[in-house]
Each structure stands twice: as structure tokens, then as C-alpha cells.
């Protein structure tokens, strides 16, 4: 949403108000996992630098799903300049694996150990 502050159009303002209203209306929703459940962890990751060909600044993002429910997500413009899509995908995947290790330790510490390996899915363009 911080990027929307850079734009002053009415469309962007409406989108930001819609997002804030959505968060306000769903603030009391909960995700419940039960002890002994076999949790499946899936992570989608993607990176892109081609939308900004002048600076080639990498934008990457990932979404972690636990039992088909998104529990952790991030989209971030990096300070790193990349020269190839392979490097961009590798950097995004390595940062995502760091988050996966943290998420795994969180669930193991909360008595919901992960019994299956993570599924890490990346989107690559040819």
C-alpha cells in the first residue's frame, strides 16, 4: 500500500480505502489448526526485474500456505541490482527458504510439528 501513496489518482485512493475496509472487517477472523494434524506447507515464490528495465531493481514476493490457507506473505522491492532472471529467481528462492526455516521452527515450537517437507514452487519465464 505504500506505493499507492506515490499516486494521487482517485482509482488508487479507492483501492486503498477498500483494502483498509477489508482488513477492518476481517480483523477477528481466526485460523485454527489441531494438534496431531498433518500440516502441508506450500510456498509460491516469484521475482521480477523486467518491469523496471532502467534500474533492474528486483521485486520479489512469496506466499506461504498451510493447509491451503495463506499465513505469511511478502512483496518487497530489493536494494540489489540483478543482471539476469536466473539470479533474480535464485535470490528470491534463497530468501524464501530463510522464511520457511523460521516458519518451521515456529510451528515446531507451538506443538504442531511439520511432518512433511515444504513444497517450494517458483515461476520462471523463458
Protein backbone atom coordinates (compact mmCIF):
# COMPACT_ATOMS: atom_id res chain seq x y z
CA UNK A 1 0.00 0.00 0.00
CA UNK A 2 2.93 2.32 0.50
CA UNK A 3 3.33 2.55 -3.28
CA UNK A 4 -0.23 3.87 -3.54
CA UNK A 5 0.79 6.99 -1.63
CA UNK A 6 3.02 7.91 -4.58
CA UNK A 7 -0.01 8.11 -6.85
CA UNK A 8 -2.77 10.63 -6.40
CA UNK A 9 -5.42 9.25 -8.71
CA UNK A 10 -8.93 8.55 -7.47
CA UNK A 11 -8.64 4.89 -8.51
CA UNK A 12 -5.64 4.33 -6.24
CA UNK A 13 -7.34 6.10 -3.36
CA UNK A 14 -10.44 3.89 -3.74
CA UNK A 15 -8.30 0.76 -3.83
CA UNK A 16 -6.52 1.77 -0.64
CA UNK A 17 -9.82 2.52 1.13
CA UNK A 18 -11.19 -0.85 0.00
CA UNK A 19 -8.13 -2.65 1.39
CA UNK A 20 -8.37 -0.87 4.74
CA UNK A 21 -12.09 -1.67 4.97
CA UNK A 22 -11.37 -5.33 4.19
CA UNK A 23 -8.76 -5.56 6.94
CA UNK A 24 -11.12 -3.84 9.38
CA UNK A 25 -13.97 -6.24 8.56
CA UNK A 26 -11.83 -9.39 8.85
CA UNK A 27 -9.70 -8.43 11.87
CA UNK A 28 -11.43 -11.02 14.11
CA UNK A 29 -11.11 -13.97 11.71
CA UNK A 30 -9.01 -16.87 13.00
CA UNK A 31 -7.15 -19.82 11.53
CA UNK A 32 -7.32 -22.95 13.69
CA UNK A 33 -5.01 -25.96 13.45
CA UNK A 34 -5.48 -29.02 15.61
CA UNK A 35 -2.81 -30.97 17.46
CA UNK A 36 -1.75 -34.04 15.54
CA UNK A 37 -2.91 -32.71 12.19
CA UNK A 38 -0.62 -33.43 9.25
CA UNK A 39 0.02 -29.93 8.02
CA UNK A 40 1.07 -29.40 4.42
CA UNK A 41 3.28 -26.39 3.77
CA UNK A 42 3.34 -24.92 0.26
CA UNK A 43 5.19 -21.79 -0.79
CA UNK A 44 4.87 -19.88 -4.04
CA UNK A 45 7.75 -17.56 -4.89
CA UNK A 46 8.39 -15.25 -7.82
CA UNK A 47 10.75 -12.45 -8.67
CA UNK A 48 10.86 -9.86 -11.38
CA UNK A 49 13.15 -7.11 -12.54
CA UNK A 50 11.89 -6.69 -16.09
CA UNK A 51 9.13 -4.26 -15.15
CA UNK A 52 11.81 -1.72 -14.33
CA UNK A 53 14.34 -2.11 -17.13
CA UNK A 54 16.10 1.18 -16.33
CA UNK A 55 17.21 0.29 -12.81
CA UNK A 56 16.83 -3.51 -12.85
CA UNK A 57 15.87 -3.43 -9.20
CA UNK A 58 14.49 -6.78 -8.13
CA UNK A 59 10.97 -7.16 -6.80
CA UNK A 60 10.26 -10.50 -5.20
CA UNK A 61 7.39 -11.99 -3.35
CA UNK A 62 6.21 -15.18 -1.76
CA UNK A 63 3.12 -16.64 -0.15
CA UNK A 64 3.20 -19.49 2.38
CA UNK A 65 0.16 -21.70 2.54
CA UNK A 66 -0.54 -24.06 5.43
CA UNK A 67 -3.38 -26.41 4.55
CA UNK A 68 -4.46 -24.17 1.65
CA UNK A 69 -4.66 -21.06 3.87
CA UNK A 70 -2.18 -18.20 3.30
CA UNK A 71 -0.42 -17.50 6.60
CA UNK A 72 2.63 -15.48 5.58
CA UNK A 73 3.24 -13.30 2.54
CA UNK A 74 5.67 -10.67 1.41
CA UNK A 75 6.24 -8.49 -1.61
CA UNK A 76 9.33 -6.36 -1.45
CA UNK A 77 11.45 -4.26 -3.75
CA UNK A 78 15.05 -5.16 -3.04
CA UNK A 79 18.09 -2.90 -2.97
CA UNK A 80 20.03 -5.40 -5.04
CA UNK A 81 20.63 -4.90 -8.75
CA UNK A 82 20.49 -8.09 -10.80
CA UNK A 83 21.69 -8.78 -14.31
CA UNK A 84 19.79 -11.96 -15.12
CA UNK A 85 16.49 -13.60 -14.36
CA UNK A 86 18.30 -16.69 -13.06
CA UNK A 87 20.00 -14.60 -10.38
CA UNK A 88 16.71 -12.93 -9.53
CA UNK A 89 14.93 -16.26 -9.09
CA UNK A 90 17.80 -17.67 -7.01
CA UNK A 91 17.83 -14.65 -4.69
CA UNK A 92 14.07 -14.82 -4.21
CA UNK A 93 14.17 -18.57 -3.53
CA UNK A 94 17.01 -18.24 -1.01
CA UNK A 95 15.17 -15.54 0.93
CA UNK A 96 12.04 -17.67 0.87
CA UNK A 97 13.90 -20.67 2.26
CA UNK A 98 15.08 -18.48 5.17
CA UNK A 99 11.42 -17.66 5.90
CA UNK A 100 10.48 -21.34 5.56
CA UNK A 101 13.06 -22.29 8.19
CA UNK A 102 11.63 -19.66 10.54
CA UNK A 103 8.06 -20.80 9.91
CA UNK A 104 9.03 -24.41 10.52
CA UNK A 105 10.65 -23.56 13.85
CA UNK A 106 7.55 -21.55 14.80
CA UNK A 107 5.21 -24.48 14.16
CA UNK A 108 7.57 -26.96 15.86
CA UNK A 109 7.67 -24.68 18.91
CA UNK A 110 3.87 -24.48 19.02
CA UNK A 111 3.39 -28.25 19.23
CA UNK A 112 2.36 -28.51 15.58
CA UNK A 113 5.43 -30.15 14.10
CA UNK A 114 5.78 -30.33 10.38
CA UNK A 115 5.85 -33.97 9.28
CA UNK A 116 6.08 -33.38 5.54
CA UNK A 117 8.70 -31.45 3.57
CA UNK A 118 7.98 -27.97 2.27
CA UNK A 119 6.82 -27.64 -1.29
CA UNK A 120 8.54 -24.64 -2.86
CA UNK A 121 7.09 -23.59 -6.22
CA UNK A 122 8.73 -20.95 -8.37
CA UNK A 123 7.51 -19.23 -11.51
CA UNK A 124 10.12 -19.00 -14.24
CA UNK A 125 9.73 -17.35 -17.59
CA UNK A 126 11.56 -18.44 -20.70
